[in-house]
């Protein structure tokens, strides 16, 4: 009888211990989360990540630290997250340049954003803006196009990253309008804006979040916004669509992603938290001030949106004769 009770006690202790280990293993999160912004500080993805990181931290009750891993129009940071440990402690402030544009124009990209990442929530979008210096002789996009046609390679075009939506929109515009500009590459959008302010380039197409404050301060002049409808902050600046270049209307959009293969208990924590934070009135207001048009989508809708966006960019690139390089 004593032996039987002893066996029962040992067995029960082992069961309880194993249950405790399982519960401890499934508790999430218990430490800081690395929130990867695949752009330089001050870039569009970095700005958006910092809009949301504090509120995500409060909701998850652990630090959510924005970490910049720039390079390759966002592909370097994207690859970093894809290859990260699948435990929920490395997340991506995904930007459409590395998810939609780069896979269509860079033949060296081997990842599949649909298969290699899991969408957790769509944040919203920001259009690009074609801008010149405030003292530029070009008052409209038409002025710039007419001069560029008559003076091949004389217009210096500041490019803040090959493979970004802004660079893609400019390239599509050049093909459609039959322009030959001199490309001046920069590490990121903020660097190309600085060059534009300093008169080192003549035009730049860049994220509205990067250019907005300078245009409002009349230090830069917006010629067109890459969108289908006018932006409420700039109602007097026409869109590329209304100017006859609807193909050059790719907006930059953002989403929260994790590496494919995240444990289900992690996904079940992150999805409702993301929805709550992204729909918060305070966060929406901050998003708008950063130039973002907030638009929450759940994971399934976001996955379909990603798939459609990839195919749309592929068609535009093919129609415009832009080949992977």
C-alpha atoms as a PDB file:
ATOM      1  CA  UNK A   1       0.000   0.000   0.000  1.00  0.00           C
ATOM      2  CA  UNK A   2       2.838   2.394   0.818  1.00  0.00           C
ATOM      3  CA  UNK A   3       4.499   1.544  -2.501  1.00  0.00           C
ATOM      4  CA  UNK A   4       1.234   2.251  -4.357  1.00  0.00           C
ATOM      5  CA  UNK A   5       0.831   5.682  -2.728  1.00  0.00           C
ATOM      6  CA  UNK A   6       4.450   6.463  -3.513  1.00  0.00           C
ATOM      7  CA  UNK A   7       3.990   5.603  -7.190  1.00  0.00           C
ATOM      8  CA  UNK A   8       0.816   7.719  -7.308  1.00  0.00           C
ATOM      9  CA  UNK A   9       2.626  10.689  -5.748  1.00  0.00           C
ATOM     10  CA  UNK A  10       5.569  10.469  -8.178  1.00  0.00           C
ATOM     11  CA  UNK A  11       3.287  10.090 -11.198  1.00  0.00           C
ATOM     12  CA  UNK A  12       1.113  13.031 -10.162  1.00  0.00           C
ATOM     13  CA  UNK A  13       4.144  15.206  -9.526  1.00  0.00           C
ATOM     14  CA  UNK A  14       5.494  14.383 -12.998  1.00  0.00           C
ATOM     15  CA  UNK A  15       2.158  15.204 -14.673  1.00  0.00           C
ATOM     16  CA  UNK A  16       1.853  18.513 -12.851  1.00  0.00           C
ATOM     17  CA  UNK A  17       5.458  19.369 -13.644  1.00  0.00           C
ATOM     18  CA  UNK A  18       4.991  18.586 -17.339  1.00  0.00           C
ATOM     19  CA  UNK A  19       1.796  20.649 -17.425  1.00  0.00           C
ATOM     20  CA  UNK A  20       3.637  23.521 -15.804  1.00  0.00           C
ATOM     21  CA  UNK A  21       6.449  23.303 -18.355  1.00  0.00           C
ATOM     22  CA  UNK A  22       3.925  23.273 -21.209  1.00  0.00           C
ATOM     23  CA  UNK A  23       2.032  26.257 -19.852  1.00  0.00           C
ATOM     24  CA  UNK A  24       5.269  28.159 -19.290  1.00  0.00           C
ATOM     25  CA  UNK A  25       6.402  27.350 -22.814  1.00  0.00           C
ATOM     26  CA  UNK A  26       3.108  28.596 -24.280  1.00  0.00           C
ATOM     27  CA  UNK A  27       2.955  31.828 -22.330  1.00  0.00           C
ATOM     28  CA  UNK A  28       3.617  34.694 -24.744  1.00  0.00           C
ATOM     29  CA  UNK A  29       5.152  37.195 -24.641  1.00  0.00           C
ATOM     30  CA  UNK A  30       7.521  37.111 -21.702  1.00  0.00           C
ATOM     31  CA  UNK A  31      10.351  39.319 -23.002  1.00  0.00           C
ATOM     32  CA  UNK A  32      11.106  42.155 -25.410  1.00  0.00           C
ATOM     33  CA  UNK A  33      10.013  41.907 -29.049  1.00  0.00           C
ATOM     34  CA  UNK A  34      12.231  43.083 -31.904  1.00  0.00           C
ATOM     35  CA  UNK A  35      10.080  45.114 -34.325  1.00  0.00           C
ATOM     36  CA  UNK A  36      12.103  45.309 -37.533  1.00  0.00           C
ATOM     37  CA  UNK A  37      11.745  48.417 -39.703  1.00  0.00           C
ATOM     38  CA  UNK A  38      13.475  47.532 -43.004  1.00  0.00           C
ATOM     39  CA  UNK A  39      14.425  51.161 -43.728  1.00  0.00           C
ATOM     40  CA  UNK A  40      16.853  53.731 -42.363  1.00  0.00           C
ATOM     41  CA  UNK A  41      15.811  55.905 -39.405  1.00  0.00           C
ATOM     42  CA  UNK A  42      13.364  58.482 -40.727  1.00  0.00           C
ATOM     43  CA  UNK A  43      12.306  56.257 -43.616  1.00  0.00           C
ATOM     44  CA  UNK A  44       8.628  55.491 -44.194  1.00  0.00           C
ATOM     45  CA  UNK A  45       8.619  52.060 -42.522  1.00  0.00           C
ATOM     46  CA  UNK A  46      10.592  53.441 -39.569  1.00  0.00           C
ATOM     47  CA  UNK A  47       8.083  56.280 -39.118  1.00  0.00           C
ATOM     48  CA  UNK A  48       5.145  53.875 -39.233  1.00  0.00           C
ATOM     49  CA  UNK A  49       6.766  51.358 -36.857  1.00  0.00           C
ATOM     50  CA  UNK A  50       7.315  54.077 -34.260  1.00  0.00           C
ATOM     51  CA  UNK A  51       3.676  55.192 -34.532  1.00  0.00           C
ATOM     52  CA  UNK A  52       2.558  51.754 -33.356  1.00  0.00           C
ATOM     53  CA  UNK A  53       5.388  50.376 -31.207  1.00  0.00           C
ATOM     54  CA  UNK A  54       4.482  52.072 -27.905  1.00  0.00           C
ATOM     55  CA  UNK A  55       0.856  50.971 -28.060  1.00  0.00           C
ATOM     56  CA  UNK A  56       1.815  47.430 -29.030  1.00  0.00           C
ATOM     57  CA  UNK A  57       4.184  47.421 -26.055  1.00  0.00           C
ATOM     58  CA  UNK A  58       1.421  48.540 -23.676  1.00  0.00           C
ATOM     59  CA  UNK A  59      -1.014  45.955 -25.033  1.00  0.00           C
ATOM     60  CA  UNK A  60       1.499  43.087 -24.922  1.00  0.00           C
ATOM     61  CA  UNK A  61       3.029  44.251 -21.605  1.00  0.00           C
ATOM     62  CA  UNK A  62       6.604  43.851 -22.887  1.00  0.00           C
ATOM     63  CA  UNK A  63       8.955  46.250 -24.690  1.00  0.00           C
ATOM     64  CA  UNK A  64       8.464  46.409 -28.473  1.00  0.00           C
ATOM     65  CA  UNK A  65      11.743  47.788 -29.756  1.00  0.00           C
ATOM     66  CA  UNK A  66      12.007  49.255 -33.252  1.00  0.00           C
ATOM     67  CA  UNK A  67      15.219  48.057 -34.909  1.00  0.00           C
ATOM     68  CA  UNK A  68      16.338  49.398 -38.296  1.00  0.00           C
ATOM     69  CA  UNK A  69      17.672  46.830 -40.756  1.00  0.00           C
ATOM     70  CA  UNK A  70      17.832  48.740 -44.015  1.00  0.00           C
ATOM     71  CA  UNK A  71      19.032  47.687 -47.440  1.00  0.00           C
ATOM     72  CA  UNK A  72      17.706  46.492 -50.760  1.00  0.00           C
ATOM     73  CA  UNK A  73      14.500  48.584 -50.631  1.00  0.00           C
ATOM     74  CA  UNK A  74      13.486  46.738 -47.483  1.00  0.00           C
ATOM     75  CA  UNK A  75      14.512  43.259 -48.629  1.00  0.00           C
ATOM     76  CA  UNK A  76      17.399  42.969 -46.121  1.00  0.00           C
ATOM     77  CA  UNK A  77      15.128  43.480 -43.122  1.00  0.00           C
ATOM     78  CA  UNK A  78      12.487  41.242 -44.656  1.00  0.00           C
ATOM     79  CA  UNK A  79      14.984  38.410 -45.129  1.00  0.00           C
ATOM     80  CA  UNK A  80      16.193  38.888 -41.557  1.00  0.00           C
ATOM     81  CA  UNK A  81      12.677  38.319 -40.199  1.00  0.00           C
ATOM     82  CA  UNK A  82      11.990  35.393 -42.543  1.00  0.00           C
ATOM     83  CA  UNK A  83      15.125  33.671 -41.208  1.00  0.00           C
ATOM     84  CA  UNK A  84      14.503  34.599 -37.561  1.00  0.00           C
ATOM     85  CA  UNK A  85      13.500  32.101 -34.911  1.00  0.00           C
ATOM     86  CA  UNK A  86       9.795  31.423 -35.223  1.00  0.00           C
ATOM     87  CA  UNK A  87       8.856  32.294 -31.673  1.00  0.00           C
ATOM     88  CA  UNK A  88       7.091  35.650 -32.039  1.00  0.00           C
ATOM     89  CA  UNK A  89       9.956  37.749 -30.733  1.00  0.00           C
ATOM     90  CA  UNK A  90      10.991  39.044 -34.156  1.00  0.00           C
ATOM     91  CA  UNK A  91       8.270  40.837 -36.133  1.00  0.00           C
ATOM     92  CA  UNK A  92       8.328  42.897 -39.299  1.00  0.00           C
ATOM     93  CA  UNK A  93       6.944  46.358 -40.004  1.00  0.00           C
ATOM     94  CA  UNK A  94       6.444  45.149 -43.531  1.00  0.00           C
ATOM     95  CA  UNK A  95       6.548  47.624 -46.406  1.00  0.00           C
ATOM     96  CA  UNK A  96       5.185  46.889 -49.856  1.00  0.00           C
ATOM     97  CA  UNK A  97       8.468  47.754 -51.600  1.00  0.00           C
ATOM     98  CA  UNK A  98      10.114  44.562 -50.316  1.00  0.00           C
ATOM     99  CA  UNK A  99       6.927  42.498 -50.531  1.00  0.00           C
ATOM    100  CA  UNK A 100       5.519  43.609 -53.888  1.00  0.00           C
ATOM    101  CA  UNK A 101       7.971  45.637 -55.978  1.00  0.00           C
ATOM    102  CA  UNK A 102      11.380  44.081 -55.294  1.00  0.00           C
ATOM    103  CA  UNK A 103      10.299  40.458 -55.993  1.00  0.00           C
ATOM    104  CA  UNK A 104       9.095  41.638 -59.415  1.00  0.00           C
ATOM    105  CA  UNK A 105      12.167  43.607 -60.492  1.00  0.00           C
ATOM    106  CA  UNK A 106      15.115  42.006 -58.696  1.00  0.00           C
ATOM    107  CA  UNK A 107      16.040  38.613 -60.099  1.00  0.00           C
ATOM    108  CA  UNK A 108      18.265  37.880 -57.085  1.00  0.00           C
ATOM    109  CA  UNK A 109      15.349  37.865 -54.639  1.00  0.00           C
ATOM    110  CA  UNK A 110      14.507  34.274 -53.763  1.00  0.00           C
ATOM    111  CA  UNK A 111      11.967  34.676 -50.967  1.00  0.00           C
ATOM    112  CA  UNK A 112       8.219  34.387 -51.506  1.00  0.00           C
ATOM    113  CA  UNK A 113       6.412  36.947 -49.315  1.00  0.00           C
ATOM    114  CA  UNK A 114       3.164  34.983 -49.501  1.00  0.00           C
ATOM    115  CA  UNK A 115       4.720  31.703 -48.359  1.00  0.00           C
ATOM    116  CA  UNK A 116       7.572  32.930 -46.151  1.00  0.00           C
ATOM    117  CA  UNK A 117       5.658  35.454 -44.019  1.00  0.00           C
ATOM    118  CA  UNK A 118       2.438  35.366 -42.033  1.00  0.00           C
ATOM    119  CA  UNK A 119       0.289  38.531 -42.159  1.00  0.00           C
ATOM    120  CA  UNK A 120      -1.003  39.716 -38.778  1.00  0.00           C
ATOM    121  CA  UNK A 121      -2.686  42.994 -39.723  1.00  0.00           C
ATOM    122  CA  UNK A 122      -2.666  45.673 -42.421  1.00  0.00           C
ATOM    123  CA  UNK A 123      -1.885  49.166 -41.141  1.00  0.00           C
ATOM    124  CA  UNK A 124      -2.577  51.488 -44.041  1.00  0.00           C
ATOM    125  CA  UNK A 125      -0.881  53.252 -46.931  1.00  0.00           C
ATOM    126  CA  UNK A 126       1.071  56.356 -47.911  1.00  0.00           C
ATOM    127  CA  UNK A 127       1.300  57.689 -51.475  1.00  0.00           C
ATOM    128  CA  UNK A 128       4.481  58.913 -53.107  1.00  0.00           C
ATOM    129  CA  UNK A 129       4.955  62.493 -54.246  1.00  0.00           C
ATOM    130  CA  UNK A 130       6.860  63.869 -57.217  1.00  0.00           C
ATOM    131  CA  UNK A 131       8.589  66.996 -55.900  1.00  0.00           C
ATOM    132  CA  UNK A 132      11.036  69.709 -56.916  1.00  0.00           C
ATOM    133  CA  UNK A 133      12.717  72.535 -55.047  1.00  0.00           C
ATOM    134  CA  UNK A 134      10.648  75.579 -54.176  1.00  0.00           C
ATOM    135  CA  UNK A 135      12.731  77.709 -56.561  1.00  0.00           C
ATOM    136  CA  UNK A 136      12.484  75.223 -59.425  1.00  0.00           C
ATOM    137  CA  UNK A 137      11.256  76.556 -62.791  1.00  0.00           C
ATOM    138  CA  UNK A 138       8.916  73.554 -63.007  1.00  0.00           C
ATOM    139  CA  UNK A 139       5.493  74.532 -61.687  1.00  0.00           C
ATOM    140  CA  UNK A 140       3.694  71.392 -62.870  1.00  0.00           C
ATOM    141  CA  UNK A 141       4.541  67.825 -63.772  1.00  0.00           C
ATOM    142  CA  UNK A 142       3.796  68.770 -67.367  1.00  0.00           C
ATOM    143  CA  UNK A 143       6.516  71.453 -67.232  1.00  0.00           C
ATOM    144  CA  UNK A 144       9.025  68.877 -66.031  1.00  0.00           C
ATOM    145  CA  UNK A 145       8.010  66.347 -68.689  1.00  0.00           C
ATOM    146  CA  UNK A 146       8.218  68.864 -71.539  1.00  0.00           C
ATOM    147  CA  UNK A 147      11.684  70.035 -70.497  1.00  0.00           C
ATOM    148  CA  UNK A 148      12.960  66.494 -69.939  1.00  0.00           C
ATOM    149  CA  UNK A 149      11.791  65.391 -73.383  1.00  0.00           C
ATOM    150  CA  UNK A 150      13.656  68.252 -75.041  1.00  0.00           C
ATOM    151  CA  UNK A 151      16.742  67.859 -72.845  1.00  0.00           C
ATOM    152  CA  UNK A 152      17.553  64.154 -72.383  1.00  0.00           C
ATOM    153  CA  UNK A 153      19.595  63.273 -69.278  1.00  0.00           C
ATOM    154  CA  UNK A 154      19.734  66.883 -68.040  1.00  0.00           C
ATOM    155  CA  UNK A 155      17.209  66.344 -65.261  1.00  0.00           C
ATOM    156  CA  UNK A 156      18.845  64.785 -62.191  1.00  0.00           C
ATOM    157  CA  UNK A 157      16.477  62.363 -60.508  1.00  0.00           C
ATOM    158  CA  UNK A 158      17.168  61.597 -56.829  1.00  0.00           C
ATOM    159  CA  UNK A 159      16.324  57.971 -56.087  1.00  0.00           C
ATOM    160  CA  UNK A 160      16.008  56.921 -52.456  1.00  0.00           C
ATOM    161  CA  UNK A 161      16.408  53.193 -53.014  1.00  0.00           C
ATOM    162  CA  UNK A 162      16.115  50.911 -56.041  1.00  0.00           C
ATOM    163  CA  UNK A 163      12.964  48.809 -55.751  1.00  0.00           C
ATOM    164  CA  UNK A 164      10.875  51.246 -53.737  1.00  0.00           C
ATOM    165  CA  UNK A 165       7.395  52.253 -54.881  1.00  0.00           C
ATOM    166  CA  UNK A 166       8.696  55.779 -55.426  1.00  0.00           C
ATOM    167  CA  UNK A 167      11.457  54.577 -57.747  1.00  0.00           C
ATOM    168  CA  UNK A 168       9.007  52.213 -59.467  1.00  0.00           C
ATOM    169  CA  UNK A 169       6.497  55.046 -60.019  1.00  0.00           C
ATOM    170  CA  UNK A 170       9.213  57.298 -61.455  1.00  0.00           C
ATOM    171  CA  UNK A 171      10.445  54.535 -63.739  1.00  0.00           C
ATOM    172  CA  UNK A 172       6.920  53.853 -64.987  1.00  0.00           C
ATOM    173  CA  UNK A 173       6.405  57.590 -65.576  1.00  0.00           C
ATOM    174  CA  UNK A 174       9.652  57.797 -67.557  1.00  0.00           C
ATOM    175  CA  UNK A 175       8.612  54.873 -69.754  1.00  0.00           C
ATOM    176  CA  UNK A 176       5.089  56.187 -70.328  1.00  0.00           C
ATOM    177  CA  UNK A 177       6.182  59.806 -70.935  1.00  0.00           C
ATOM    178  CA  UNK A 178       9.284  58.798 -72.911  1.00  0.00           C
ATOM    179  CA  UNK A 179      11.748  60.507 -70.569  1.00  0.00           C
ATOM    180  CA  UNK A 180      15.470  59.939 -70.114  1.00  0.00           C
ATOM    181  CA  UNK A 181      16.581  61.245 -66.712  1.00  0.00           C
ATOM    182  CA  UNK A 182      19.949  60.989 -65.003  1.00  0.00           C
ATOM    183  CA  UNK A 183      19.523  58.798 -61.937  1.00  0.00           C
ATOM    184  CA  UNK A 184      21.330  59.830 -58.760  1.00  0.00           C
ATOM    185  CA  UNK A 185      21.004  57.015 -56.185  1.00  0.00           C
ATOM    186  CA  UNK A 186      20.858  57.536 -52.423  1.00  0.00           C
ATOM    187  CA  UNK A 187      20.735  55.176 -49.471  1.00  0.00           C
ATOM    188  CA  UNK A 188      17.201  56.148 -48.518  1.00  0.00           C
ATOM    189  CA  UNK A 189      14.322  58.543 -49.006  1.00  0.00           C
ATOM    190  CA  UNK A 190      15.466  61.043 -46.403  1.00  0.00           C
ATOM    191  CA  UNK A 191      18.883  61.309 -48.061  1.00  0.00           C
ATOM    192  CA  UNK A 192      17.331  61.967 -51.484  1.00  0.00           C
ATOM    193  CA  UNK A 193      15.087  64.638 -49.923  1.00  0.00           C
ATOM    194  CA  UNK A 194      18.128  66.348 -48.383  1.00  0.00           C
ATOM    195  CA  UNK A 195      19.793  66.380 -51.801  1.00  0.00           C
ATOM    196  CA  UNK A 196      16.661  67.900 -53.324  1.00  0.00           C
ATOM    197  CA  UNK A 197      16.583  70.619 -50.664  1.00  0.00           C
ATOM    198  CA  UNK A 198      20.242  71.366 -51.356  1.00  0.00           C
ATOM    199  CA  UNK A 199      19.764  71.607 -55.119  1.00  0.00           C
ATOM    200  CA  UNK A 200      21.961  68.573 -55.806  1.00  0.00           C
ATOM    201  CA  UNK A 201      19.129  66.901 -57.761  1.00  0.00           C
ATOM    202  CA  UNK A 202      16.265  68.444 -59.737  1.00  0.00           C
ATOM    203  CA  UNK A 203      13.407  66.112 -58.892  1.00  0.00           C
ATOM    204  CA  UNK A 204      12.632  63.231 -56.555  1.00  0.00           C
ATOM    205  CA  UNK A 205       9.728  60.882 -56.099  1.00  0.00           C
ATOM    206  CA  UNK A 206       9.483  59.982 -52.446  1.00  0.00           C
ATOM    207  CA  UNK A 207       7.126  58.896 -49.702  1.00  0.00           C
ATOM    208  CA  UNK A 208       4.654  61.559 -48.625  1.00  0.00           C
ATOM    209  CA  UNK A 209       5.617  60.882 -45.005  1.00  0.00           C
ATOM    210  CA  UNK A 210       9.172  61.987 -45.817  1.00  0.00           C
ATOM    211  CA  UNK A 211       8.316  64.994 -48.015  1.00  0.00           C
ATOM    212  CA  UNK A 212       5.160  66.292 -46.344  1.00  0.00           C
ATOM    213  CA  UNK A 213       6.655  68.701 -43.803  1.00  0.00           C
ATOM    214  CA  UNK A 214       9.006  70.259 -46.357  1.00  0.00           C
ATOM    215  CA  UNK A 215       6.182  70.830 -48.843  1.00  0.00           C
ATOM    216  CA  UNK A 216       3.994  72.367 -46.128  1.00  0.00           C
ATOM    217  CA  UNK A 217       6.887  74.672 -45.193  1.00  0.00           C
ATOM    218  CA  UNK A 218       7.193  75.716 -48.875  1.00  0.00           C
ATOM    219  CA  UNK A 219      10.763  74.408 -49.028  1.00  0.00           C
ATOM    220  CA  UNK A 220       9.723  71.896 -51.702  1.00  0.00           C
ATOM    221  CA  UNK A 221       6.996  71.986 -54.352  1.00  0.00           C
ATOM    222  CA  UNK A 222       4.780  68.968 -54.942  1.00  0.00           C
ATOM    223  CA  UNK A 223       3.991  68.329 -58.611  1.00  0.00           C
ATOM    224  CA  UNK A 224       1.896  65.169 -58.345  1.00  0.00           C
ATOM    225  CA  UNK A 225       0.840  62.507 -55.881  1.00  0.00           C
ATOM    226  CA  UNK A 226       0.875  58.829 -56.851  1.00  0.00           C
ATOM    227  CA  UNK A 227      -2.698  57.988 -56.043  1.00  0.00           C
ATOM    228  CA  UNK A 228      -6.137  57.581 -57.553  1.00  0.00           C
ATOM    229  CA  UNK A 229      -7.626  60.415 -55.504  1.00  0.00           C
ATOM    230  CA  UNK A 230      -6.267  63.639 -54.057  1.00  0.00           C
ATOM    231  CA  UNK A 231      -4.762  63.637 -50.603  1.00  0.00           C
ATOM    232  CA  UNK A 232      -6.729  65.618 -47.979  1.00  0.00           C
ATOM    233  CA  UNK A 233      -3.554  67.372 -46.761  1.00  0.00           C
ATOM    234  CA  UNK A 234      -2.694  68.502 -50.300  1.00  0.00           C
ATOM    235  CA  UNK A 235      -5.972  69.091 -52.132  1.00  0.00           C
ATOM    236  CA  UNK A 236      -4.316  71.378 -54.711  1.00  0.00           C
ATOM    237  CA  UNK A 237      -1.749  68.818 -55.867  1.00  0.00           C
ATOM    238  CA  UNK A 238      -3.085  66.621 -58.695  1.00  0.00           C
ATOM    239  CA  UNK A 239      -2.713  62.852 -58.800  1.00  0.00           C
ATOM    240  CA  UNK A 240      -0.781  60.868 -61.376  1.00  0.00           C
ATOM    241  CA  UNK A 241      -4.067  59.238 -62.328  1.00  0.00           C
ATOM    242  CA  UNK A 242      -5.763  62.495 -63.270  1.00  0.00           C
ATOM    243  CA  UNK A 243      -2.622  63.629 -65.114  1.00  0.00           C
ATOM    244  CA  UNK A 244      -2.868  60.597 -67.374  1.00  0.00           C
ATOM    245  CA  UNK A 245      -0.398  58.230 -65.693  1.00  0.00           C
ATOM    246  CA  UNK A 246      -2.547  55.799 -63.656  1.00  0.00           C
ATOM    247  CA  UNK A 247       0.168  53.134 -63.842  1.00  0.00           C
ATOM    248  CA  UNK A 248       2.444  55.390 -61.755  1.00  0.00           C
ATOM    249  CA  UNK A 249       0.028  55.300 -58.825  1.00  0.00           C
ATOM    250  CA  UNK A 250       1.473  52.608 -56.599  1.00  0.00           C
ATOM    251  CA  UNK A 251       1.044  53.575 -52.970  1.00  0.00           C
ATOM    252  CA  UNK A 252       3.353  52.432 -50.196  1.00  0.00           C
ATOM    253  CA  UNK A 253       1.459  50.205 -47.789  1.00  0.00           C
ATOM    254  CA  UNK A 254       2.429  48.680 -44.473  1.00  0.00           C
ATOM    255  CA  UNK A 255       1.553  45.642 -42.430  1.00  0.00           C
ATOM    256  CA  UNK A 256       2.558  43.654 -39.386  1.00  0.00           C
ATOM    257  CA  UNK A 257       4.170  40.325 -40.303  1.00  0.00           C
ATOM    258  CA  UNK A 258       5.907  37.438 -38.635  1.00  0.00           C
ATOM    259  CA  UNK A 259       7.963  34.617 -40.139  1.00  0.00           C
ATOM    260  CA  UNK A 260       5.876  31.749 -41.498  1.00  0.00           C
ATOM    261  CA  UNK A 261       5.579  28.931 -39.001  1.00  0.00           C
ATOM    262  CA  UNK A 262       4.757  30.989 -35.905  1.00  0.00           C
ATOM    263  CA  UNK A 263       3.176  28.808 -33.177  1.00  0.00           C
ATOM    264  CA  UNK A 264      -0.598  29.043 -33.073  1.00  0.00           C
ATOM    265  CA  UNK A 265      -0.667  30.352 -29.501  1.00  0.00           C
ATOM    266  CA  UNK A 266       1.567  33.253 -30.582  1.00  0.00           C
ATOM    267  CA  UNK A 267      -0.642  34.069 -33.562  1.00  0.00           C
ATOM    268  CA  UNK A 268      -3.734  33.965 -31.332  1.00  0.00           C
ATOM    269  CA  UNK A 269      -2.153  36.621 -29.105  1.00  0.00           C
ATOM    270  CA  UNK A 270      -0.832  38.913 -31.836  1.00  0.00           C
ATOM    271  CA  UNK A 271      -3.847  39.131 -34.156  1.00  0.00           C
ATOM    272  CA  UNK A 272      -6.398  40.540 -31.663  1.00  0.00           C
ATOM    273  CA  UNK A 273      -3.780  42.822 -30.092  1.00  0.00           C
ATOM    274  CA  UNK A 274      -2.842  44.193 -33.526  1.00  0.00           C
ATOM    275  CA  UNK A 275      -6.490  44.803 -34.399  1.00  0.00           C
ATOM    276  CA  UNK A 276      -7.168  46.578 -31.101  1.00  0.00           C
ATOM    277  CA  UNK A 277      -4.092  48.809 -31.430  1.00  0.00           C
ATOM    278  CA  UNK A 278      -4.544  49.584 -35.129  1.00  0.00           C
ATOM    279  CA  UNK A 279      -8.199  50.552 -34.592  1.00  0.00           C
ATOM    280  CA  UNK A 280      -7.514  52.736 -31.567  1.00  0.00           C
ATOM    281  CA  UNK A 281      -8.689  56.348 -32.185  1.00  0.00           C
ATOM    282  CA  UNK A 282      -5.486  57.741 -30.667  1.00  0.00           C
ATOM    283  CA  UNK A 283      -3.297  55.572 -32.909  1.00  0.00           C
ATOM    284  CA  UNK A 284      -5.383  56.419 -35.969  1.00  0.00           C
ATOM    285  CA  UNK A 285      -4.916  60.117 -35.263  1.00  0.00           C
ATOM    286  CA  UNK A 286      -1.138  59.691 -34.885  1.00  0.00           C
ATOM    287  CA  UNK A 287      -1.069  57.689 -38.096  1.00  0.00           C
ATOM    288  CA  UNK A 288      -2.756  60.494 -40.001  1.00  0.00           C
ATOM    289  CA  UNK A 289      -0.290  63.036 -38.633  1.00  0.00           C
ATOM    290  CA  UNK A 290       2.529  60.825 -39.938  1.00  0.00           C
ATOM    291  CA  UNK A 291       0.974  60.938 -43.411  1.00  0.00           C
ATOM    292  CA  UNK A 292      -0.523  57.452 -43.247  1.00  0.00           C
ATOM    293  CA  UNK A 293      -4.048  56.664 -44.405  1.00  0.00           C
ATOM    294  CA  UNK A 294      -5.073  54.087 -41.767  1.00  0.00           C
ATOM    295  CA  UNK A 295      -6.909  51.054 -43.088  1.00  0.00           C
ATOM    296  CA  UNK A 296      -7.043  47.926 -40.949  1.00  0.00           C
ATOM    297  CA  UNK A 297      -7.337  44.539 -42.635  1.00  0.00           C
ATOM    298  CA  UNK A 298      -7.364  41.182 -40.912  1.00  0.00           C
ATOM    299  CA  UNK A 299      -4.857  38.453 -41.845  1.00  0.00           C
ATOM    300  CA  UNK A 300      -6.973  36.684 -44.484  1.00  0.00           C
ATOM    301  CA  UNK A 301      -7.975  39.877 -46.275  1.00  0.00           C
ATOM    302  CA  UNK A 302      -4.415  41.109 -46.045  1.00  0.00           C
ATOM    303  CA  UNK A 303      -3.041  37.924 -47.604  1.00  0.00           C
ATOM    304  CA  UNK A 304      -5.385  38.307 -50.574  1.00  0.00           C
ATOM    305  CA  UNK A 305      -4.418  41.977 -50.861  1.00  0.00           C
ATOM    306  CA  UNK A 306      -0.733  41.003 -50.921  1.00  0.00           C
ATOM    307  CA  UNK A 307      -1.320  38.429 -53.660  1.00  0.00           C
ATOM    308  CA  UNK A 308      -3.306  40.887 -55.805  1.00  0.00           C
ATOM    309  CA  UNK A 309      -0.690  43.628 -55.280  1.00  0.00           C
ATOM    310  CA  UNK A 310       2.128  41.347 -56.437  1.00  0.00           C
ATOM    311  CA  UNK A 311       0.265  40.410 -59.617  1.00  0.00           C
ATOM    312  CA  UNK A 312      -0.678  44.044 -60.282  1.00  0.00           C
ATOM    313  CA  UNK A 313       2.939  45.208 -59.976  1.00  0.00           C
ATOM    314  CA  UNK A 314       4.059  42.355 -62.209  1.00  0.00           C
ATOM    315  CA  UNK A 315       1.606  43.381 -64.932  1.00  0.00           C
ATOM    316  CA  UNK A 316       2.560  47.071 -64.741  1.00  0.00           C
ATOM    317  CA  UNK A 317       6.253  46.190 -64.926  1.00  0.00           C
ATOM    318  CA  UNK A 318       5.687  43.924 -67.939  1.00  0.00           C
ATOM    319  CA  UNK A 319       3.470  46.455 -69.727  1.00  0.00           C
ATOM    320  CA  UNK A 320       6.038  49.202 -69.117  1.00  0.00           C
ATOM    321  CA  UNK A 321       8.878  47.002 -70.304  1.00  0.00           C
ATOM    322  CA  UNK A 322      10.613  46.975 -66.915  1.00  0.00           C
ATOM    323  CA  UNK A 323      12.554  43.739 -66.744  1.00  0.00           C
ATOM    324  CA  UNK A 324      14.035  42.078 -63.638  1.00  0.00           C
ATOM    325  CA  UNK A 325      17.692  42.974 -63.249  1.00  0.00           C
END
